[in-house]
Amino acid sequence: EFTMSPRQQITRVGTVLSRSFLSPSDVPSFRICLETAGGFINVRWLGRMEVPGVTLGRRLQVCGIPLQGEDGVELINPDYHLLGDK
């Protein structure tokens, strides 16, 4: 469970469970669902069709300011680091 404070940056480490490319209106966005120790978090990169190295099952660290989205907590255009295996 994520608790959010206004404009407070968070860092999470997790595994990519799903990837999708969304094109609501004219702005493309690449979206993943990341499973972390504290639950699930949606991550979205606006204006991208993919993010190199972000594949299913890949572990990564994301860092950004969380927003409450339609499907729960979401990070938009976060900093990220690809991690090795568990």
PDB file of N, CA and C in Angstrom:
ATOM      1  N   GLU A   1       0.852  -1.186   0.000  1.00  0.00           N
ATOM      2  CA  GLU A   1       0.000   0.000   0.000  1.00  0.00           C
ATOM      3  C   GLU A   1       0.892   1.241   0.000  1.00  0.00           C
ATOM      4  N   PHE A   2       0.612   2.147  -0.895  1.00  0.00           N
ATOM      5  CA  PHE A   2       1.385   3.373  -0.988  1.00  0.00           C
ATOM      6  C   PHE A   2       0.643   4.500  -0.297  1.00  0.00           C
ATOM      7  N   THR A   3       1.364   5.249   0.509  1.00  0.00           N
ATOM      8  CA  THR A   3       0.803   6.470   1.048  1.00  0.00           C
ATOM      9  C   THR A   3       1.493   7.613   0.334  1.00  0.00           C
ATOM     10  N   MET A   4       0.725   8.594  -0.061  1.00  0.00           N
ATOM     11  CA  MET A   4       1.284   9.675  -0.851  1.00  0.00           C
ATOM     12  C   MET A   4       1.241  10.977  -0.076  1.00  0.00           C
ATOM     13  N   SER A   5       2.351  11.708  -0.160  1.00  0.00           N
ATOM     14  CA  SER A   5       2.415  13.063   0.366  1.00  0.00           C
ATOM     15  C   SER A   5       2.557  13.993  -0.830  1.00  0.00           C
ATOM     16  N   PRO A   6       1.977  15.154  -0.776  1.00  0.00           N
ATOM     17  CA  PRO A   6       2.049  16.066  -1.915  1.00  0.00           C
ATOM     18  C   PRO A   6       3.488  16.366  -2.324  1.00  0.00           C
ATOM     19  N   ARG A   7       3.760  16.177  -3.598  1.00  0.00           N
ATOM     20  CA  ARG A   7       5.048  16.526  -4.209  1.00  0.00           C
ATOM     21  C   ARG A   7       6.254  15.884  -3.529  1.00  0.00           C
ATOM     22  N   GLN A   8       6.082  14.712  -2.947  1.00  0.00           N
ATOM     23  CA  GLN A   8       7.199  14.006  -2.316  1.00  0.00           C
ATOM     24  C   GLN A   8       7.683  12.910  -3.253  1.00  0.00           C
ATOM     25  N   GLN A   9       8.952  12.966  -3.590  1.00  0.00           N
ATOM     26  CA  GLN A   9       9.541  11.989  -4.497  1.00  0.00           C
ATOM     27  C   GLN A   9       9.653  10.624  -3.817  1.00  0.00           C
ATOM     28  N   ILE A  10       9.374   9.557  -4.581  1.00  0.00           N
ATOM     29  CA  ILE A  10       9.522   8.202  -4.060  1.00  0.00           C
ATOM     30  C   ILE A  10      10.474   7.418  -4.963  1.00  0.00           C
ATOM     31  N   THR A  11      11.063   6.380  -4.399  1.00  0.00           N
ATOM     32  CA  THR A  11      11.895   5.445  -5.155  1.00  0.00           C
ATOM     33  C   THR A  11      11.377   4.050  -4.868  1.00  0.00           C
ATOM     34  N   ARG A  12      11.160   3.279  -5.923  1.00  0.00           N
ATOM     35  CA  ARG A  12      10.672   1.903  -5.781  1.00  0.00           C
ATOM     36  C   ARG A  12      11.492   0.987  -6.684  1.00  0.00           C
ATOM     37  N   VAL A  13      11.670  -0.246  -6.220  1.00  0.00           N
ATOM     38  CA  VAL A  13      12.340  -1.286  -7.002  1.00  0.00           C
ATOM     39  C   VAL A  13      11.333  -2.398  -7.212  1.00  0.00           C
ATOM     40  N   GLY A  14      11.265  -2.902  -8.436  1.00  0.00           N
ATOM     41  CA  GLY A  14      10.306  -3.957  -8.707  1.00  0.00           C
ATOM     42  C   GLY A  14      10.563  -4.651 -10.029  1.00  0.00           C
ATOM     43  N   THR A  15       9.626  -5.529 -10.378  1.00  0.00           N
ATOM     44  CA  THR A  15       9.698  -6.341 -11.592  1.00  0.00           C
ATOM     45  C   THR A  15       8.569  -5.942 -12.526  1.00  0.00           C
ATOM     46  N   VAL A  16       8.901  -5.811 -13.816  1.00  0.00           N
ATOM     47  CA  VAL A  16       7.915  -5.434 -14.822  1.00  0.00           C
ATOM     48  C   VAL A  16       6.970  -6.606 -15.069  1.00  0.00           C
ATOM     49  N   LEU A  17       5.677  -6.401 -14.785  1.00  0.00           N
ATOM     50  CA  LEU A  17       4.665  -7.442 -14.991  1.00  0.00           C
ATOM     51  C   LEU A  17       3.972  -7.318 -16.333  1.00  0.00           C
ATOM     52  N   SER A  18       3.799  -6.091 -16.808  1.00  0.00           N
ATOM     53  CA  SER A  18       3.136  -5.891 -18.103  1.00  0.00           C
ATOM     54  C   SER A  18       3.659  -4.620 -18.746  1.00  0.00           C
ATOM     55  N   ARG A  19       3.527  -4.596 -20.080  1.00  0.00           N
ATOM     56  CA  ARG A  19       3.919  -3.426 -20.865  1.00  0.00           C
ATOM     57  C   ARG A  19       2.817  -3.161 -21.867  1.00  0.00           C
ATOM     58  N   SER A  20       2.584  -1.891 -22.158  1.00  0.00           N
ATOM     59  CA  SER A  20       1.608  -1.562 -23.195  1.00  0.00           C
ATOM     60  C   SER A  20       1.937  -0.206 -23.784  1.00  0.00           C
ATOM     61  N   PHE A  21       1.455  -0.009 -24.975  1.00  0.00           N
ATOM     62  CA  PHE A  21       1.597   1.269 -25.648  1.00  0.00           C
ATOM     63  C   PHE A  21       0.205   1.847 -25.782  1.00  0.00           C
ATOM     64  N   LEU A  22       0.007   3.028 -25.238  1.00  0.00           N
ATOM     65  CA  LEU A  22      -1.301   3.667 -25.278  1.00  0.00           C
ATOM     66  C   LEU A  22      -1.237   4.920 -26.133  1.00  0.00           C
ATOM     67  N   SER A  23      -2.287   5.177 -26.851  1.00  0.00           N
ATOM     68  CA  SER A  23      -2.356   6.405 -27.625  1.00  0.00           C
ATOM     69  C   SER A  23      -3.702   7.096 -27.377  1.00  0.00           C
ATOM     70  N   PRO A  24      -3.914   7.570 -26.135  1.00  0.00           N
ATOM     71  CA  PRO A  24      -5.141   8.327 -25.899  1.00  0.00           C
ATOM     72  C   PRO A  24      -4.983   9.693 -26.559  1.00  0.00           C
ATOM     73  N   SER A  25      -5.899  10.030 -27.412  1.00  0.00           N
ATOM     74  CA  SER A  25      -5.826  11.231 -28.247  1.00  0.00           C
ATOM     75  C   SER A  25      -4.591  11.137 -29.136  1.00  0.00           C
ATOM     76  N   ASP A  26      -3.775  12.166 -29.166  1.00  0.00           N
ATOM     77  CA  ASP A  26      -2.616  12.181 -30.054  1.00  0.00           C
ATOM     78  C   ASP A  26      -1.285  12.004 -29.336  1.00  0.00           C
ATOM     79  N   VAL A  27      -1.301  11.856 -28.018  1.00  0.00           N
ATOM     80  CA  VAL A  27      -0.048  11.751 -27.265  1.00  0.00           C
ATOM     81  C   VAL A  27       0.248  10.286 -26.960  1.00  0.00           C
ATOM     82  N   PRO A  28       1.276   9.716 -27.607  1.00  0.00           N
ATOM     83  CA  PRO A  28       1.610   8.323 -27.304  1.00  0.00           C
ATOM     84  C   PRO A  28       2.180   8.205 -25.893  1.00  0.00           C
ATOM     85  N   SER A  29       2.001   7.034 -25.296  1.00  0.00           N
ATOM     86  CA  SER A  29       2.620   6.793 -24.002  1.00  0.00           C
ATOM     87  C   SER A  29       2.903   5.309 -23.835  1.00  0.00           C
ATOM     88  N   PHE A  30       4.064   5.036 -23.244  1.00  0.00           N
ATOM     89  CA  PHE A  30       4.499   3.682 -22.963  1.00  0.00           C
ATOM     90  C   PHE A  30       4.249   3.434 -21.485  1.00  0.00           C
ATOM     91  N   ARG A  31       3.557   2.343 -21.157  1.00  0.00           N
ATOM     92  CA  ARG A  31       3.138   2.103 -19.775  1.00  0.00           C
ATOM     93  C   ARG A  31       3.557   0.713 -19.327  1.00  0.00           C
ATOM     94  N   ILE A  32       3.987   0.633 -18.071  1.00  0.00           N
ATOM     95  CA  ILE A  32       4.281  -0.666 -17.461  1.00  0.00           C
ATOM     96  C   ILE A  32       3.577  -0.748 -16.113  1.00  0.00           C
ATOM     97  N   CYS A  33       3.378  -1.974 -15.663  1.00  0.00           N
ATOM     98  CA  CYS A  33       2.937  -2.228 -14.297  1.00  0.00           C
ATOM     99  C   CYS A  33       4.121  -2.857 -13.588  1.00  0.00           C
ATOM    100  N   LEU A  34       4.531  -2.259 -12.496  1.00  0.00           N
ATOM    101  CA  LEU A  34       5.700  -2.713 -11.751  1.00  0.00           C
ATOM    102  C   LEU A  34       5.242  -3.319 -10.429  1.00  0.00           C
ATOM    103  N   GLU A  35       5.655  -4.549 -10.172  1.00  0.00           N
ATOM    104  CA  GLU A  35       5.356  -5.194  -8.886  1.00  0.00           C
ATOM    105  C   GLU A  35       6.513  -4.919  -7.940  1.00  0.00           C
ATOM    106  N   THR A  36       6.198  -4.279  -6.808  1.00  0.00           N
ATOM    107  CA  THR A  36       7.213  -3.943  -5.812  1.00  0.00           C
ATOM    108  C   THR A  36       6.897  -4.677  -4.515  1.00  0.00           C
ATOM    109  N   ALA A  37       7.786  -4.572  -3.560  1.00  0.00           N
ATOM    110  CA  ALA A  37       7.549  -5.210  -2.258  1.00  0.00           C
ATOM    111  C   ALA A  37       6.307  -4.629  -1.583  1.00  0.00           C
ATOM    112  N   GLY A  38       5.958  -3.375  -1.894  1.00  0.00           N
ATOM    113  CA  GLY A  38       4.819  -2.719  -1.263  1.00  0.00           C
ATOM    114  C   GLY A  38       3.533  -2.775  -2.070  1.00  0.00           C
ATOM    115  N   GLY A  39       3.561  -3.436  -3.223  1.00  0.00           N
ATOM    116  CA  GLY A  39       2.369  -3.509  -4.058  1.00  0.00           C
ATOM    117  C   GLY A  39       2.685  -3.227  -5.511  1.00  0.00           C
ATOM    118  N   PHE A  40       1.702  -2.770  -6.234  1.00  0.00           N
ATOM    119  CA  PHE A  40       1.851  -2.502  -7.659  1.00  0.00           C
ATOM    120  C   PHE A  40       1.850  -1.001  -7.895  1.00  0.00           C
ATOM    121  N   ILE A  41       2.608  -0.583  -8.906  1.00  0.00           N
ATOM    122  CA  ILE A  41       2.627   0.821  -9.286  1.00  0.00           C
ATOM    123  C   ILE A  41       2.675   0.899 -10.813  1.00  0.00           C
ATOM    124  N   ASN A  42       1.889   1.797 -11.369  1.00  0.00           N
ATOM    125  CA  ASN A  42       1.893   2.019 -12.807  1.00  0.00           C
ATOM    126  C   ASN A  42       2.922   3.091 -13.125  1.00  0.00           C
ATOM    127  N   VAL A  43       3.655   2.875 -14.204  1.00  0.00           N
ATOM    128  CA  VAL A  43       4.694   3.805 -14.632  1.00  0.00           C
ATOM    129  C   VAL A  43       4.428   4.149 -16.085  1.00  0.00           C
ATOM    130  N   ARG A  44       4.478   5.438 -16.406  1.00  0.00           N
ATOM    131  CA  ARG A  44       4.176   5.857 -17.773  1.00  0.00           C
ATOM    132  C   ARG A  44       5.197   6.880 -18.256  1.00  0.00           C
ATOM    133  N   TRP A  45       5.652   6.663 -19.490  1.00  0.00           N
ATOM    134  CA  TRP A  45       6.528   7.605 -20.153  1.00  0.00           C
ATOM    135  C   TRP A  45       5.748   8.225 -21.297  1.00  0.00           C
ATOM    136  N   LEU A  46       5.501   9.520 -21.221  1.00  0.00           N
ATOM    137  CA  LEU A  46       4.736  10.212 -22.249  1.00  0.00           C
ATOM    138  C   LEU A  46       5.616  10.480 -23.471  1.00  0.00           C
ATOM    139  N   GLY A  47       5.012  10.368 -24.653  1.00  0.00           N
ATOM    140  CA  GLY A  47       5.732  10.641 -25.885  1.00  0.00           C
ATOM    141  C   GLY A  47       6.671   9.531 -26.321  1.00  0.00           C
ATOM    142  N   ARG A  48       6.581   8.366 -25.691  1.00  0.00           N
ATOM    143  CA  ARG A  48       7.473   7.245 -26.004  1.00  0.00           C
ATOM    144  C   ARG A  48       6.662   6.053 -26.467  1.00  0.00           C
ATOM    145  N   MET A  49       7.187   5.310 -27.422  1.00  0.00           N
ATOM    146  CA  MET A  49       6.555   4.074 -27.862  1.00  0.00           C
ATOM    147  C   MET A  49       7.175   2.879 -27.151  1.00  0.00           C
ATOM    148  N   GLU A  50       8.364   3.069 -26.604  1.00  0.00           N
ATOM    149  CA  GLU A  50       9.027   2.064 -25.783  1.00  0.00           C
ATOM    150  C   GLU A  50      10.167   2.725 -25.036  1.00  0.00           C
ATOM    151  N   VAL A  51      10.681   2.010 -24.041  1.00  0.00           N
ATOM    152  CA  VAL A  51      11.836   2.475 -23.285  1.00  0.00           C
ATOM    153  C   VAL A  51      12.869   1.359 -23.375  1.00  0.00           C
ATOM    154  N   PRO A  52      14.042   1.625 -23.949  1.00  0.00           N
ATOM    155  CA  PRO A  52      15.045   0.581 -24.148  1.00  0.00           C
ATOM    156  C   PRO A  52      15.383  -0.154 -22.847  1.00  0.00           C
ATOM    157  N   GLY A  53      15.382  -1.469 -22.917  1.00  0.00           N
ATOM    158  CA  GLY A  53      15.752  -2.301 -21.778  1.00  0.00           C
ATOM    159  C   GLY A  53      14.615  -2.641 -20.834  1.00  0.00           C
ATOM    160  N   VAL A  54      13.488  -1.942 -20.949  1.00  0.00           N
ATOM    161  CA  VAL A  54      12.345  -2.201 -20.061  1.00  0.00           C
ATOM    162  C   VAL A  54      11.501  -3.293 -20.704  1.00  0.00           C
ATOM    163  N   THR A  55      11.745  -4.529 -20.268  1.00  0.00           N
ATOM    164  CA  THR A  55      11.090  -5.701 -20.832  1.00  0.00           C
ATOM    165  C   THR A  55      10.366  -6.471 -19.730  1.00  0.00           C
ATOM    166  N   LEU A  56       9.482  -7.366 -20.126  1.00  0.00           N
ATOM    167  CA  LEU A  56       8.767  -8.191 -19.144  1.00  0.00           C
ATOM    168  C   LEU A  56       9.754  -8.955 -18.284  1.00  0.00           C
ATOM    169  N   GLY A  57       9.509  -8.967 -16.986  1.00  0.00           N
ATOM    170  CA  GLY A  57      10.362  -9.693 -16.052  1.00  0.00           C
ATOM    171  C   GLY A  57      11.610  -8.936 -15.626  1.00  0.00           C
ATOM    172  N   ARG A  58      11.865  -7.790 -16.235  1.00  0.00           N
ATOM    173  CA  ARG A  58      13.066  -7.010 -15.905  1.00  0.00           C
ATOM    174  C   ARG A  58      12.884  -6.308 -14.573  1.00  0.00           C
ATOM    175  N   ARG A  59      13.943  -6.309 -13.762  1.00  0.00           N
ATOM    176  CA  ARG A  59      13.910  -5.559 -12.501  1.00  0.00           C
ATOM    177  C   ARG A  59      14.441  -4.159 -12.764  1.00  0.00           C
ATOM    178  N   LEU A  60      13.764  -3.182 -12.182  1.00  0.00           N
ATOM    179  CA  LEU A  60      14.257  -1.826 -12.319  1.00  0.00           C
ATOM    180  C   LEU A  60      13.883  -0.990 -11.113  1.00  0.00           C
ATOM    181  N   GLN A  61      14.583   0.111 -11.008  1.00  0.00           N
ATOM    182  CA  GLN A  61      14.317   1.092  -9.955  1.00  0.00           C
ATOM    183  C   GLN A  61      13.747   2.320 -10.635  1.00  0.00           C
ATOM    184  N   VAL A  62      12.658   2.836 -10.102  1.00  0.00           N
ATOM    185  CA  VAL A  62      12.055   4.059 -10.624  1.00  0.00           C
ATOM    186  C   VAL A  62      12.014   5.106  -9.521  1.00  0.00           C
ATOM    187  N   CYS A  63      12.132   6.339  -9.927  1.00  0.00           N
ATOM    188  CA  CYS A  63      12.157   7.435  -8.962  1.00  0.00           C
ATOM    189  C   CYS A  63      11.390   8.613  -9.551  1.00  0.00           C
ATOM    190  N   GLY A  64      10.379   9.079  -8.829  1.00  0.00           N
ATOM    191  CA  GLY A  64       9.594  10.205  -9.312  1.00  0.00           C
ATOM    192  C   GLY A  64       8.557  10.620  -8.289  1.00  0.00           C
ATOM    193  N   ILE A  65       7.704  11.529  -8.706  1.00  0.00           N
ATOM    194  CA  ILE A  65       6.640  12.038  -7.839  1.00  0.00           C
ATOM    195  C   ILE A  65       5.352  11.306  -8.196  1.00  0.00           C
ATOM    196  N   PRO A  66       4.754  10.582  -7.242  1.00  0.00           N
ATOM    197  CA  PRO A  66       3.556   9.799  -7.543  1.00  0.00           C
ATOM    198  C   PRO A  66       2.313  10.674  -7.708  1.00  0.00           C
ATOM    199  N   LEU A  67       1.459  10.204  -8.600  1.00  0.00           N
ATOM    200  CA  LEU A  67       0.159  10.839  -8.818  1.00  0.00           C
ATOM    201  C   LEU A  67      -0.911   9.784  -8.640  1.00  0.00           C
ATOM    202  N   GLN A  68      -2.093  10.196  -8.259  1.00  0.00           N
ATOM    203  CA  GLN A  68      -3.210   9.254  -8.187  1.00  0.00           C
ATOM    204  C   GLN A  68      -3.838   9.188  -9.563  1.00  0.00           C
ATOM    205  N   GLY A  69      -3.705   8.031 -10.239  1.00  0.00           N
ATOM    206  CA  GLY A  69      -4.279   7.841 -11.560  1.00  0.00           C
ATOM    207  C   GLY A  69      -5.571   7.054 -11.480  1.00  0.00           C
ATOM    208  N   GLU A  70      -6.165   6.787 -12.633  1.00  0.00           N
ATOM    209  CA  GLU A  70      -7.412   6.033 -12.692  1.00  0.00           C
ATOM    210  C   GLU A  70      -7.259   4.625 -12.133  1.00  0.00           C
ATOM    211  N   ASP A  71      -6.076   4.030 -12.335  1.00  0.00           N
ATOM    212  CA  ASP A  71      -5.833   2.654 -11.908  1.00  0.00           C
ATOM    213  C   ASP A  71      -4.918   2.569 -10.698  1.00  0.00           C
ATOM    214  N   GLY A  72      -4.859   3.597  -9.884  1.00  0.00           N
ATOM    215  CA  GLY A  72      -4.018   3.577  -8.697  1.00  0.00           C
ATOM    216  C   GLY A  72      -2.866   4.557  -8.825  1.00  0.00           C
ATOM    217  N   VAL A  73      -1.840   4.332  -8.036  1.00  0.00           N
ATOM    218  CA  VAL A  73      -0.681   5.218  -8.007  1.00  0.00           C
ATOM    219  C   VAL A  73       0.096   5.084  -9.313  1.00  0.00           C
ATOM    220  N   GLU A  74       0.568   6.218  -9.823  1.00  0.00           N
ATOM    221  CA  GLU A  74       1.255   6.234 -11.111  1.00  0.00           C
ATOM    222  C   GLU A  74       2.431   7.203 -11.057  1.00  0.00           C
ATOM    223  N   LEU A  75       3.520   6.814 -11.703  1.00  0.00           N
ATOM    224  CA  LEU A  75       4.659   7.710 -11.891  1.00  0.00           C
ATOM    225  C   LEU A  75       4.697   8.089 -13.361  1.00  0.00           C
ATOM    226  N   ILE A  76       4.836   9.370 -13.650  1.00  0.00           N
ATOM    227  CA  ILE A  76       4.903   9.856 -15.021  1.00  0.00           C
ATOM    228  C   ILE A  76       6.326  10.303 -15.310  1.00  0.00           C
ATOM    229  N   ASN A  77       6.912   9.775 -16.388  1.00  0.00           N
ATOM    230  CA  ASN A  77       8.268  10.125 -16.828  1.00  0.00           C
ATOM    231  C   ASN A  77       9.291  10.054 -15.689  1.00  0.00           C
ATOM    232  N   PRO A  78       9.339   8.929 -14.952  1.00  0.00           N
ATOM    233  CA  PRO A  78      10.283   8.843 -13.837  1.00  0.00           C
ATOM    234  C   PRO A  78      11.709   8.605 -14.323  1.00  0.00           C
ATOM    235  N   ASP A  79      12.653   8.904 -13.451  1.00  0.00           N
ATOM    236  CA  ASP A  79      14.023   8.441 -13.670  1.00  0.00           C
ATOM    237  C   ASP A  79      13.986   6.940 -13.433  1.00  0.00           C
ATOM    238  N   TYR A  80      14.815   6.195 -14.136  1.00  0.00           N
ATOM    239  CA  TYR A  80      14.827   4.748 -13.933  1.00  0.00           C
ATOM    240  C   TYR A  80      16.223   4.186 -14.136  1.00  0.00           C
ATOM    241  N   HIS A  81      16.461   3.056 -13.491  1.00  0.00           N
ATOM    242  CA  HIS A  81      17.728   2.347 -13.617  1.00  0.00           C
ATOM    243  C   HIS A  81      17.424   0.870 -13.808  1.00  0.00           C
ATOM    244  N   LEU A  82      17.986   0.277 -14.837  1.00  0.00           N
ATOM    245  CA  LEU A  82      17.830  -1.157 -15.063  1.00  0.00           C
ATOM    246  C   LEU A  82      18.702  -1.883 -14.057  1.00  0.00           C
ATOM    247  N   LEU A  83      18.140  -2.932 -13.455  1.00  0.00           N
ATOM    248  CA  LEU A  83      18.861  -3.705 -12.449  1.00  0.00           C
ATOM    249  C   LEU A  83      19.096  -5.114 -12.966  1.00  0.00           C
ATOM    250  N   GLY A  84      20.083  -5.790 -12.371  1.00  0.00           N
ATOM    251  CA  GLY A  84      20.356  -7.173 -12.722  1.00  0.00           C
ATOM    252  C   GLY A  84      19.302  -8.085 -12.129  1.00  0.00           C
ATOM    253  N   ASP A  85      19.509  -9.379 -12.270  1.00  0.00           N
ATOM    254  CA  ASP A  85      18.594 -10.359 -11.711  1.00  0.00           C
ATOM    255  C   ASP A  85      18.582 -10.274 -10.197  1.00  0.00           C
ATOM    256  N   LYS A  86      17.537 -10.860  -9.597  1.00  0.00           N
ATOM    257  CA  LYS A  86      17.384 -10.876  -8.136  1.00  0.00           C
ATOM    258  C   LYS A  86      18.575 -11.486  -7.458  1.00  0.00           C
TER     259      LYS A  86
END
